[in-house]
Amino acid sequence: MDSDAGEELTAAWERALESYEGELVSRHVSPRTLMGYRYDLNELATWAAAAGIPSPADLSYRRLRGYAAMLGGRGLEAKTVGRKLAAVRGLLDHLTRHGEIASNPAELLPNPRTASRLPRVLDRDDMRTLLDSMPAGTPLESRDRAMLELAYSCGLRCSELVGLDTDAVDFESETVRVLGKGNKERIVPLGEPAQRALRIYLERARPVLVDDRSERALLVSKRGLRLSPSDVTRRLGKRVQQVATLGRVSPHTLRHSFATHLLEGGADLRSIQELLGHSSISTTQIYTRVEPGRLREAYASAHPRA
């Protein structure tokens, strides 16, 4: 990682940055991600050189707090500061694992607080209205209904939805095999309404839309090609217009609603994490802020000293 700032990096910093970049390359991170890490860590190393910190081993928690304060003092958004600190943690974690430093002083470094935006969620009645009002008379209408039933039934990301192949659906086990972020595969249960909509689509609509029998995509366009995420967003928007009371709804709204309705129904957070394909429970915990009343009731009824 070459520095483009005024301060010249020490050999120790150069070695550390090059070693970590090698690890990132071996993990096949995207060029854009690699560029971001390179920029953020060059910034850290340049600051350290100016502050008389000759190597990563000389960093301390106190010095890193000073670095975080410097970033915040530049008027950067909390999200940007958090990203830069995540890069610092990654570098120091790498050096710890390889025995270059004894421990990672950035482990307990707090991220700046960001304005918390709760996900948009449709309540159960609104979700029922949206799905039950969808027509299925034409092949495209049948596809749209199957698509949205599937998205809500399984809590899929838009990219996961369009990435499904026909063999991903197992009607016998009532499950869907999903390939999520980082090519991690998970098996998600498939509800009965989604099963019915998919059967109708696969038996009556998809054969009309697809000429090429080698096409593996589950959800296809009117030309028989795999749908794109923008196609899903556009088709959902068209259907939502027909239910004027719903307001703005995105494909991710269906995923958020899936998770929230599971939580409201008593599902535990770890199970929801697995169903959503979240690598960290902290990502799933946002849903505990969507329905605080239910959690308070559960606490009051279950905790011996509530």
Foldseek 3Di string as FASTA:
>chain_A
DDAPDDFDAAPQLVVLVVVLLVVVVVLVDDPVVSVVLVVLSSVVRRVCRVVVNRHPQSDALVVVLVVLVVVVVVVDALVVSQVSLVSLQSSQVVCCVVVVHVDRRSPPPDRDDHDDDFAAADAPVVVCCLLVPQDCPALVSLLLSLLLLQCLQQLEDLQFSLPAFPVQQDVVVQWGWTQDPPRDIAIGHHDDVSVVSLVCNVVPRLVCQAPDPVAGTSRADSVNHGDDSVNSQVSSVVSVVVVVVPPDDGSNNSSLNSLLVCVLVPDDLVVSCRSNVPPDSVVSCSSCVVCVPSVVVVCVVPPPVD
